[in-house]
Amino acid sequence: MEEKTKRRILVADDDPENSSLVAEMLRAEGFEVAVANDGIQALAKIEETKPELVLLDYNMPNYSGLETLHKLRKNQNYVAVIFVSGTDDERVVVDCLQSGADDYVRKPFGPGELVARVHVRFRNKDTNDELSRATEKLRELAEHDDLTGLFNMRSMYAKIDRELKRARRYRRRVAVVMMDLDHFKSVNDEFDHLFGSFVLKEIGQIVAKQIRDTDFAARYGGDEFLMVLTETDEKGAAAFGERLRANVEKHVSYDGRNRFSRTASLGVAVSRENEEVEAKELVRRADQALYKAKEAGRNRVVIYEPAAVETPTVPAAKRKAK
């Protein structure tokens, strides 16, 4: 059985005898303990050993305990801090807690009290970590389509608007690609909705494999998909669309009983440099281009043009209008 990783604690105290006694007491409880004797050493040890908890003395040279805490709280990565001090001035206790300490233990203390407070701090940390993981999971579920694993449209417009602002700042462009499976309704009529969902899941996987790490994709609804390509012009977006169209056309969905293949129509819209276009407008343009691809016979890629939508910019060989 794999040994559980020991929890790491740093004891920062300018009295070597005190720090040694506390360290041995905590090691006897199964913790991994490092020791520092002033504020500068404490900050260096925190950077080196990445403790989950720091026991910090109030009176220390080379940064007091409070100064050390202030510097520590400027860091992005949070570490729990318990002050351990002989100072019983209420104003000091309040100042430490208001400055970001998680607890305050007055000297002298019984070994059982300190160990109990350490265990409580770790128990609280574990609870907070579980809540953070659960919150992150809920956020992911809220933003992703259950069937395909791609984003849903709930947060997609905000993501596109962020990319458009970034593109304007750096004089770059953003492409939006809308894809619709041709005559997809027939899969539900010919087979059933369960197999239809199987097909959509596979198409979602094809989309996910085609986009880069800097791109993102969503299930727009039904059998429609939306892809956002960062730093991409018309030529790059058209090439992407044609690759995706070809991959969908050659793919055969097979669940062990049913086989199904279908073509796809795609519309592409690309932002222009210095254009104050919003996400919804760019998606609307891609949707208009998709509509023109359908009108032109399907199974093709059409690029949106400001004056008129041309047909088809990237034709495929010997397509049959359906």
Protein backbone atom coordinates (compact mmCIF):
# COMPACT_ATOMS: atom_id res chain seq x y z
CA MET A 1 0.00 0.00 0.00
CA GLU A 2 1.36 3.43 -0.93
CA GLU A 3 2.46 5.47 2.08
CA LYS A 4 0.44 8.61 2.63
CA THR A 5 2.44 11.81 2.13
CA LYS A 6 3.30 13.49 5.41
CA ARG A 7 1.87 16.94 6.05
CA ARG A 8 4.52 19.63 6.06
CA ILE A 9 4.91 22.20 8.85
CA LEU A 10 7.42 25.00 9.34
CA VAL A 11 8.26 26.08 12.91
CA ALA A 12 9.66 29.62 12.98
CA ASP A 13 11.00 30.64 16.41
CA ASP A 14 14.13 32.60 17.39
CA ASP A 15 14.65 30.36 20.45
CA PRO A 16 16.40 27.17 19.21
CA GLU A 17 15.31 25.23 22.30
CA ASN A 18 11.64 26.11 21.81
CA SER A 19 11.69 25.38 18.08
CA SER A 20 13.45 22.04 18.69
CA LEU A 21 10.92 20.95 21.32
CA VAL A 22 7.93 21.91 19.15
CA ALA A 23 9.46 20.24 16.09
CA GLU A 24 10.06 16.95 17.94
CA MET A 25 6.56 17.01 19.36
CA LEU A 26 5.06 17.44 15.88
CA ARG A 27 7.32 14.80 14.33
CA ALA A 28 6.07 12.37 16.96
CA GLU A 29 2.57 13.06 15.56
CA GLY A 30 3.72 12.03 12.07
CA PHE A 31 4.29 15.49 10.57
CA GLU A 32 7.26 16.50 8.41
CA VAL A 33 8.81 19.53 10.14
CA ALA A 34 11.31 22.18 9.09
CA VAL A 35 12.72 24.88 11.38
CA ALA A 36 13.65 28.55 10.91
CA ASN A 37 15.10 30.97 13.48
CA ASP A 38 14.19 34.38 12.00
CA GLY A 39 11.85 35.99 9.48
CA ILE A 40 14.23 35.86 6.53
CA GLN A 41 14.93 32.16 7.12
CA ALA A 42 11.21 31.51 7.51
CA LEU A 43 10.35 33.04 4.12
CA ALA A 44 13.21 31.14 2.48
CA LYS A 45 12.12 27.86 4.07
CA ILE A 46 8.51 28.45 3.00
CA GLU A 47 9.69 28.90 -0.59
CA GLU A 48 11.91 25.82 -0.35
CA THR A 49 9.75 23.30 1.54
CA LYS A 50 6.22 24.50 0.56
CA PRO A 51 4.68 23.83 4.01
CA GLU A 52 0.93 23.53 4.49
CA LEU A 53 1.12 25.20 7.91
CA VAL A 54 3.50 27.69 9.55
CA LEU A 55 3.87 28.06 13.35
CA LEU A 56 5.14 31.61 13.64
CA ASP A 57 6.67 33.30 16.69
CA TYR A 58 5.67 36.94 17.18
CA ASN A 59 9.07 38.28 18.32
CA MET A 60 11.82 37.37 15.82
CA PRO A 61 14.85 39.16 14.35
CA ASN A 62 15.20 39.92 10.61
CA TYR A 63 11.45 40.51 10.18
CA SER A 64 9.15 40.06 13.14
CA GLY A 65 6.44 37.43 12.99
CA LEU A 66 3.93 40.08 11.91
CA GLU A 67 6.22 41.43 9.17
CA THR A 68 6.82 37.89 7.97
CA LEU A 69 3.05 37.32 7.84
CA HIS A 70 2.51 40.52 5.84
CA LYS A 71 5.09 39.44 3.26
CA LEU A 72 3.64 35.93 3.16
CA ARG A 73 0.11 37.17 2.53
CA LYS A 74 1.28 39.08 -0.53
CA ASN A 75 2.00 35.75 -2.19
CA GLN A 76 -0.66 34.16 -4.35
CA ASN A 77 -0.30 30.67 -2.85
CA TYR A 78 -2.00 30.59 0.54
CA VAL A 79 -0.44 28.84 3.52
CA ALA A 80 -2.10 28.60 6.95
CA VAL A 81 -0.39 30.44 9.84
CA ILE A 82 -0.72 29.91 13.60
CA PHE A 83 0.99 32.49 15.79
CA VAL A 84 2.73 30.98 18.82
CA SER A 85 3.78 33.73 21.22
CA GLY A 86 4.24 34.66 24.85
CA THR A 87 2.62 38.05 24.17
CA ASP A 88 -0.86 38.15 25.69
CA ASP A 89 -1.68 41.75 24.75
CA GLU A 90 -5.16 41.62 23.23
CA ARG A 91 -4.24 44.29 20.67
CA VAL A 92 -1.39 42.09 19.41
CA VAL A 93 -3.68 39.08 19.11
CA VAL A 94 -6.28 41.11 17.21
CA ASP A 95 -3.61 42.63 14.94
CA CYS A 96 -2.23 39.18 14.05
CA LEU A 97 -5.65 37.74 13.29
CA GLN A 98 -6.74 40.77 11.27
CA SER A 99 -3.47 40.61 9.32
CA GLY A 100 -4.27 37.10 8.10
CA ALA A 101 -3.25 34.66 10.84
CA ASP A 102 -5.53 31.64 11.14
CA ASP A 103 -5.05 31.14 14.89
CA TYR A 104 -3.10 32.42 17.91
CA VAL A 105 -1.68 30.25 20.69
CA ARG A 106 -0.27 31.84 23.84
CA LYS A 107 2.88 30.53 25.54
CA PRO A 108 3.20 28.58 27.70
CA PHE A 109 0.90 25.95 26.22
CA GLY A 110 0.32 22.27 26.83
CA PRO A 111 1.52 19.89 24.09
CA GLY A 112 -1.99 18.54 23.70
CA GLU A 113 -3.43 22.00 22.99
CA LEU A 114 -0.95 22.82 20.24
CA VAL A 115 -1.27 19.42 18.56
CA ALA A 116 -5.07 19.69 18.72
CA ARG A 117 -5.00 23.15 17.09
CA VAL A 118 -2.70 21.86 14.35
CA HIS A 119 -5.07 18.95 13.63
CA VAL A 120 -8.06 21.34 13.58
CA ARG A 121 -6.25 23.60 11.10
CA PHE A 122 -5.55 20.68 8.77
CA ARG A 123 -9.11 19.42 9.14
CA ASN A 124 -10.41 22.85 8.14
CA LYS A 125 -7.96 22.94 5.23
CA ASP A 126 -9.16 19.55 3.99
CA THR A 127 -12.78 20.69 4.20
CA ASN A 128 -12.03 23.90 2.31
CA ASP A 129 -10.06 21.97 -0.33
CA GLU A 130 -12.99 19.59 -0.83
CA LEU A 131 -15.37 22.53 -1.17
CA SER A 132 -13.03 24.18 -3.70
CA ARG A 133 -12.85 20.98 -5.76
CA ALA A 134 -16.62 20.59 -5.63
CA THR A 135 -17.11 24.23 -6.66
CA GLU A 136 -14.67 23.82 -9.55
CA LYS A 137 -16.45 20.65 -10.66
CA LEU A 138 -19.83 22.40 -10.57
CA ARG A 139 -18.37 25.27 -12.59
CA GLU A 140 -17.04 22.85 -15.19
CA LEU A 141 -20.39 21.06 -15.37
CA ALA A 142 -22.20 24.37 -15.77
CA GLU A 143 -19.92 25.42 -18.66
CA HIS A 144 -19.70 22.09 -20.53
CA ASP A 145 -22.15 20.12 -22.61
CA ASP A 146 -22.86 16.77 -20.95
CA LEU A 147 -23.03 14.87 -24.23
CA THR A 148 -20.01 16.10 -26.18
CA GLY A 149 -17.73 17.44 -23.42
CA LEU A 150 -17.35 20.70 -25.35
CA PHE A 151 -18.40 24.04 -23.90
CA ASN A 152 -22.07 24.94 -23.92
CA MET A 153 -23.17 28.43 -24.94
CA ARG A 154 -23.73 29.64 -21.37
CA SER A 155 -20.31 31.31 -21.13
CA MET A 156 -19.25 31.18 -24.76
CA TYR A 157 -20.10 34.76 -25.71
CA ALA A 158 -18.07 36.10 -22.79
CA LYS A 159 -15.10 33.97 -23.90
CA ILE A 160 -15.36 35.26 -27.46
CA ASP A 161 -15.61 38.88 -26.30
CA ARG A 162 -12.42 38.43 -24.24
CA GLU A 163 -10.61 37.06 -27.30
CA LEU A 164 -11.87 39.92 -29.46
CA LYS A 165 -10.57 42.51 -26.98
CA ARG A 166 -7.20 40.76 -26.87
CA ALA A 167 -7.12 40.58 -30.67
CA ARG A 168 -7.78 44.32 -30.99
CA ARG A 169 -5.05 45.09 -28.48
CA TYR A 170 -2.44 43.11 -30.41
CA ARG A 171 -3.82 43.81 -33.91
CA ARG A 172 -4.77 40.20 -34.49
CA ARG A 173 -7.91 38.45 -35.67
CA VAL A 174 -10.42 35.93 -34.38
CA ALA A 175 -12.39 33.46 -36.49
CA VAL A 176 -15.74 31.91 -35.62
CA VAL A 177 -16.79 28.73 -37.40
CA MET A 178 -20.36 27.40 -37.31
CA MET A 179 -20.95 23.80 -38.38
CA ASP A 180 -24.21 21.99 -38.94
CA LEU A 181 -24.61 18.30 -39.86
CA ASP A 182 -26.49 17.93 -43.12
CA HIS A 183 -29.93 16.30 -42.83
CA PHE A 184 -29.15 15.07 -39.33
CA LYS A 185 -32.84 14.64 -38.52
CA SER A 186 -32.78 11.44 -40.55
CA VAL A 187 -30.60 9.70 -37.94
CA ASN A 188 -33.37 9.98 -35.37
CA ASP A 189 -35.97 8.95 -37.94
CA GLU A 190 -33.95 6.02 -39.27
CA PHE A 191 -32.51 4.82 -35.98
CA ASP A 192 -33.37 6.39 -32.59
CA HIS A 193 -32.42 9.28 -30.34
CA LEU A 194 -29.95 7.15 -28.38
CA PHE A 195 -27.93 6.45 -31.52
CA GLY A 196 -28.30 10.10 -32.51
CA SER A 197 -26.66 11.08 -29.24
CA PHE A 198 -23.88 8.57 -29.93
CA VAL A 199 -23.23 10.22 -33.31
CA LEU A 200 -23.16 13.72 -31.81
CA LYS A 201 -20.71 12.62 -29.15
CA GLU A 202 -18.36 11.28 -31.84
CA ILE A 203 -18.67 14.49 -33.88
CA GLY A 204 -17.79 16.43 -30.73
CA GLN A 205 -14.65 14.31 -30.40
CA ILE A 206 -13.70 15.06 -34.02
CA VAL A 207 -14.12 18.79 -33.34
CA ALA A 208 -12.02 18.59 -30.16
CA LYS A 209 -9.17 16.87 -32.04
CA GLN A 210 -9.13 19.50 -34.80
CA ILE A 211 -8.83 22.62 -32.66
CA ARG A 212 -5.58 23.86 -31.11
CA ASP A 213 -4.95 24.38 -27.40
CA THR A 214 -5.55 28.10 -27.86
CA ASP A 215 -8.91 27.55 -29.58
CA PHE A 216 -12.21 26.51 -28.00
CA ALA A 217 -15.40 24.89 -29.19
CA ALA A 218 -19.00 24.52 -28.06
CA ARG A 219 -22.08 22.61 -28.92
CA TYR A 220 -24.29 25.42 -30.16
CA GLY A 221 -27.45 23.35 -29.94
CA GLY A 222 -28.88 20.20 -31.50
CA ASP A 223 -26.43 19.14 -34.21
CA GLU A 224 -24.77 22.57 -34.53
CA PHE A 225 -21.23 23.26 -33.31
CA LEU A 226 -19.33 26.50 -32.87
CA MET A 227 -15.54 26.83 -32.96
CA VAL A 228 -13.47 29.90 -32.06
CA LEU A 229 -10.00 30.11 -33.62
CA THR A 230 -7.63 32.64 -32.07
CA GLU A 231 -5.15 34.64 -34.14
CA THR A 232 -6.57 33.24 -37.39
CA ASP A 233 -7.33 34.99 -40.69
CA GLU A 234 -9.69 33.94 -43.49
CA LYS A 235 -7.15 31.68 -45.15
CA GLY A 236 -6.38 29.81 -41.92
CA ALA A 237 -10.05 29.58 -40.94
CA ALA A 238 -11.01 28.27 -44.40
CA ALA A 239 -8.29 25.62 -44.22
CA PHE A 240 -9.48 24.61 -40.75
CA GLY A 241 -13.07 24.41 -41.96
CA GLU A 242 -12.15 22.24 -44.92
CA ARG A 243 -10.14 19.83 -42.73
CA LEU A 244 -13.03 19.54 -40.33
CA ARG A 245 -15.54 19.08 -43.16
CA ALA A 246 -13.43 16.32 -44.70
CA ASN A 247 -13.00 14.52 -41.38
CA VAL A 248 -16.73 14.58 -40.71
CA GLU A 249 -17.49 13.34 -44.26
CA LYS A 250 -15.19 10.33 -44.01
CA HIS A 251 -16.22 9.38 -40.48
CA VAL A 252 -18.59 6.44 -40.00
CA SER A 253 -20.32 6.15 -36.65
CA TYR A 254 -20.75 2.54 -35.56
CA ASP A 255 -22.08 1.47 -32.17
CA GLY A 256 -21.79 -2.28 -32.81
CA ARG A 257 -25.19 -2.46 -34.48
CA ASN A 258 -25.90 0.71 -36.46
CA ARG A 259 -23.73 2.53 -39.00
CA PHE A 260 -24.19 6.15 -39.97
CA SER A 261 -22.26 8.80 -41.89
CA ARG A 262 -23.18 12.36 -42.73
CA THR A 263 -21.67 15.45 -44.32
CA ALA A 264 -21.48 18.91 -42.75
CA SER A 265 -21.90 22.51 -43.84
CA LEU A 266 -19.75 25.25 -42.34
CA GLY A 267 -19.88 29.05 -42.17
CA VAL A 268 -16.87 31.15 -41.24
CA ALA A 269 -16.65 34.75 -40.02
CA VAL A 270 -13.40 36.54 -39.17
CA SER A 271 -13.01 39.78 -37.24
CA ARG A 272 -11.29 42.65 -38.99
CA GLU A 273 -8.42 44.62 -37.46
CA ASN A 274 -9.57 47.58 -35.32
CA GLU A 275 -13.21 46.53 -35.76
CA GLU A 276 -15.36 46.99 -32.65
CA VAL A 277 -17.40 43.85 -33.34
CA GLU A 278 -19.07 41.98 -30.49
CA ALA A 279 -19.24 38.22 -30.02
CA LYS A 280 -22.92 37.91 -30.91
CA GLU A 281 -22.42 39.82 -34.15
CA LEU A 282 -19.48 37.65 -35.19
CA VAL A 283 -21.48 34.50 -34.44
CA ARG A 284 -24.41 35.94 -36.42
CA ARG A 285 -22.12 36.44 -39.42
CA ALA A 286 -20.86 32.87 -39.20
CA ASP A 287 -24.46 31.68 -39.01
CA GLN A 288 -25.33 33.68 -42.16
CA ALA A 289 -22.39 32.06 -43.97
CA LEU A 290 -23.60 28.65 -42.78
CA TYR A 291 -27.05 29.40 -44.19
CA LYS A 292 -25.44 30.24 -47.56
CA ALA A 293 -23.51 26.95 -47.45
CA LYS A 294 -26.81 25.13 -47.01
CA GLU A 295 -28.38 27.06 -49.86
CA ALA A 296 -25.45 26.29 -52.15
CA GLY A 297 -25.91 22.55 -51.79
CA ARG A 298 -24.43 21.67 -48.37
CA ASN A 299 -21.16 19.83 -47.61
CA ARG A 300 -19.04 22.92 -48.11
CA VAL A 301 -17.33 25.84 -46.35
CA VAL A 302 -18.48 29.43 -46.96
CA ILE A 303 -16.68 32.57 -45.78
CA TYR A 304 -18.73 35.59 -44.68
CA GLU A 305 -18.17 38.76 -46.71
CA PRO A 306 -19.36 42.18 -45.46
CA ALA A 307 -21.30 43.07 -48.60
CA ALA A 308 -22.47 39.59 -49.54
CA VAL A 309 -21.74 36.04 -48.55
CA GLU A 310 -19.92 34.28 -51.34
CA THR A 311 -20.48 30.65 -52.24
CA PRO A 312 -18.48 28.44 -51.76
CA THR A 313 -15.00 29.73 -50.91
CA VAL A 314 -13.58 26.27 -50.23
CA PRO A 315 -15.45 23.78 -52.41
CA ALA A 316 -15.03 20.03 -52.07
CA ALA A 317 -14.68 17.83 -55.13
CA LYS A 318 -17.84 16.34 -56.65
CA ARG A 319 -20.30 17.21 -53.90
CA LYS A 320 -23.91 16.30 -54.36
CA ALA A 321 -26.52 18.84 -53.25
CA LYS A 322 -28.81 17.28 -50.65
